C-alpha atoms as a PDB file:
ATOM      1  CA  MET A   1     -14.814  87.120  39.611  1.00  0.00           C
ATOM      2  CA  PRO A   2     -15.210  84.544  37.316  1.00  0.00           C
ATOM      3  CA  ALA A   3     -16.571  85.538  33.247  1.00  0.00           C
ATOM      4  CA  PRO A   4     -19.741  85.732  32.004  1.00  0.00           C
ATOM      5  CA  ARG A   5     -21.139  82.074  31.421  1.00  0.00           C
ATOM      6  CA  GLU A   6     -17.500  80.353  32.892  1.00  0.00           C
ATOM      7  CA  SER A   7     -18.693  77.395  34.653  1.00  0.00           C
ATOM      8  CA  THR A   8     -21.911  76.701  32.183  1.00  0.00           C
ATOM      9  CA  ASN A   9     -19.344  76.494  29.576  1.00  0.00           C
ATOM     10  CA  ARG A  10     -16.399  74.739  31.409  1.00  0.00           C
ATOM     11  CA  LEU A  11     -19.989  72.550  32.307  1.00  0.00           C
ATOM     12  CA  LEU A  12     -20.970  72.178  28.177  1.00  0.00           C
ATOM     13  CA  GLU A  13     -17.488  71.282  27.625  1.00  0.00           C
ATOM     14  CA  LEU A  14     -17.159  68.512  29.920  1.00  0.00           C
ATOM     15  CA  ILE A  15     -19.996  66.982  28.396  1.00  0.00           C
ATOM     16  CA  GLU A  16     -18.760  67.143  25.135  1.00  0.00           C
ATOM     17  CA  GLU A  17     -15.606  65.572  25.903  1.00  0.00           C
ATOM     18  CA  GLY A  18     -17.078  62.936  27.349  1.00  0.00           C
ATOM     19  CA  VAL A  19     -16.213  63.585  30.871  1.00  0.00           C
ATOM     20  CA  LEU A  20     -19.701  63.970  32.372  1.00  0.00           C
ATOM     21  CA  ASP A  21     -22.721  61.777  31.322  1.00  0.00           C
ATOM     22  CA  LYS A  22     -25.090  64.468  30.059  1.00  0.00           C
ATOM     23  CA  ASP A  23     -27.981  62.271  31.862  1.00  0.00           C
ATOM     24  CA  GLN A  24     -26.364  62.657  35.032  1.00  0.00           C
ATOM     25  CA  VAL A  25     -26.114  66.809  34.469  1.00  0.00           C
ATOM     26  CA  ILE A  26     -29.550  66.550  33.333  1.00  0.00           C
ATOM     27  CA  MET A  27     -30.976  65.415  36.744  1.00  0.00           C
ATOM     28  CA  ALA A  28     -28.573  67.081  38.852  1.00  0.00           C
ATOM     29  CA  CYS A  29     -29.481  70.312  37.334  1.00  0.00           C
ATOM     30  CA  VAL A  30     -33.764  69.894  37.979  1.00  0.00           C
ATOM     31  CA  LYS A  31     -32.976  68.425  41.731  1.00  0.00           C
ATOM     32  CA  TYR A  32     -30.909  71.706  42.401  1.00  0.00           C
ATOM     33  CA  MET A  33     -33.558  74.518  40.650  1.00  0.00           C
ATOM     34  CA  SER A  34     -36.453  75.302  42.383  1.00  0.00           C
ATOM     35  CA  GLU A  35     -39.605  74.182  41.298  1.00  0.00           C
ATOM     36  CA  ASP A  36     -40.712  77.439  39.904  1.00  0.00           C
ATOM     37  CA  ASP A  37     -37.324  77.854  38.178  1.00  0.00           C
ATOM     38  CA  VAL A  38     -38.316  74.015  36.427  1.00  0.00           C
ATOM     39  CA  ALA A  39     -41.266  75.499  35.109  1.00  0.00           C
ATOM     40  CA  ASP A  40     -40.196  78.617  34.121  1.00  0.00           C
ATOM     41  CA  MET A  41     -37.751  76.293  31.983  1.00  0.00           C
ATOM     42  CA  CYS A  42     -40.086  74.157  30.520  1.00  0.00           C
ATOM     43  CA  HIS A  43     -42.537  77.293  29.622  1.00  0.00           C
ATOM     44  CA  ASP A  44     -39.882  79.461  28.110  1.00  0.00           C
ATOM     45  CA  ASN A  45     -38.745  76.228  26.213  1.00  0.00           C
ATOM     46  CA  GLU A  46     -42.415  74.813  25.382  1.00  0.00           C
ATOM     47  CA  PHE A  47     -41.946  71.618  26.390  1.00  0.00           C
ATOM     48  CA  PHE A  48     -45.434  71.169  27.802  1.00  0.00           C
ATOM     49  CA  ASP A  49     -47.187  72.571  25.106  1.00  0.00           C
ATOM     50  CA  SER A  50     -48.753  69.202  24.186  1.00  0.00           C
ATOM     51  CA  VAL A  51     -48.813  67.327  27.120  1.00  0.00           C
ATOM     52  CA  CYS A  52     -52.379  66.980  29.924  1.00  0.00           C
ATOM     53  CA  ILE A  53     -50.421  68.347  33.128  1.00  0.00           C
ATOM     54  CA  GLU A  54     -53.175  65.770  34.860  1.00  0.00           C
ATOM     55  CA  CYS A  55     -53.115  62.484  33.225  1.00  0.00           C
ATOM     56  CA  GLY A  56     -49.395  63.325  30.955  1.00  0.00           C
ATOM     57  CA  VAL A  57     -51.114  62.479  27.699  1.00  0.00           C
ATOM     58  CA  ILE A  58     -48.860  63.803  24.818  1.00  0.00           C
ATOM     59  CA  GLY A  59     -50.403  65.759  21.383  1.00  0.00           C
ATOM     60  CA  ASP A  60     -52.796  67.742  20.155  1.00  0.00           C
ATOM     61  CA  GLU A  61     -54.490  64.376  18.490  1.00  0.00           C
ATOM     62  CA  ASP A  62     -56.006  63.598  22.025  1.00  0.00           C
ATOM     63  CA  LEU A  63     -57.423  67.369  22.402  1.00  0.00           C
ATOM     64  CA  GLU A  64     -60.701  67.722  22.260  1.00  0.00           C
ATOM     65  CA  ASP A  65     -62.196  71.426  21.946  1.00  0.00           C
ATOM     66  CA  GLY A  66     -58.962  72.318  24.087  1.00  0.00           C
ATOM     67  CA  TYR A  67     -59.689  69.437  26.922  1.00  0.00           C
ATOM     68  CA  CYS A  68     -57.551  66.473  27.430  1.00  0.00           C
ATOM     69  CA  THR A  69     -60.061  63.439  25.910  1.00  0.00           C
ATOM     70  CA  GLN A  70     -58.297  61.159  28.498  1.00  0.00           C
ATOM     71  CA  CYS A  71     -59.321  62.691  31.959  1.00  0.00           C
ATOM     72  CA  HIS A  72     -61.272  65.816  30.431  1.00  0.00           C
ATOM     73  CA  ARG A  73     -59.801  67.932  33.050  1.00  0.00           C
ATOM     74  CA  ALA A  74     -57.469  69.892  31.849  1.00  0.00           C
ATOM     75  CA  LYS A  75     -56.347  72.079  29.083  1.00  0.00           C
ATOM     76  CA  PHE A  76     -53.085  71.309  27.435  1.00  0.00           C
ATOM     77  CA  GLY A  77     -50.151  73.670  27.496  1.00  0.00           C
ATOM     78  CA  GLU A  78     -49.097  76.805  29.991  1.00  0.00           C
ATOM     79  CA  TYR A  79     -49.462  74.011  32.737  1.00  0.00           C
ATOM     80  CA  GLY A  80     -53.277  73.564  32.295  1.00  0.00           C
ATOM     81  CA  ASP A  81     -54.328  77.428  32.497  1.00  0.00           C
ATOM     82  CA  GLU A  82     -56.734  78.189  30.305  1.00  0.00           C
ATOM     83  CA  ASP A  83     -56.657  80.291  27.774  1.00  0.00           C
END
């Protein structure tokens, strides 16, 4: 059995050494992951907290009472779920 995180560490080393392109690795990872895995990762890293899931507007300056001022349909963060 391989050592814990052996493959992860090797992949990161290859990126750091310039052997692998980080953008290509990112694309491979998100294509390999399930939609739920990608959503969980984005949630855990707070990637979508200031992005409207309906129209893609970014930033708190486009909030009005918690709703997007562009599409008026979706709340920001937590995949549009109401708080």
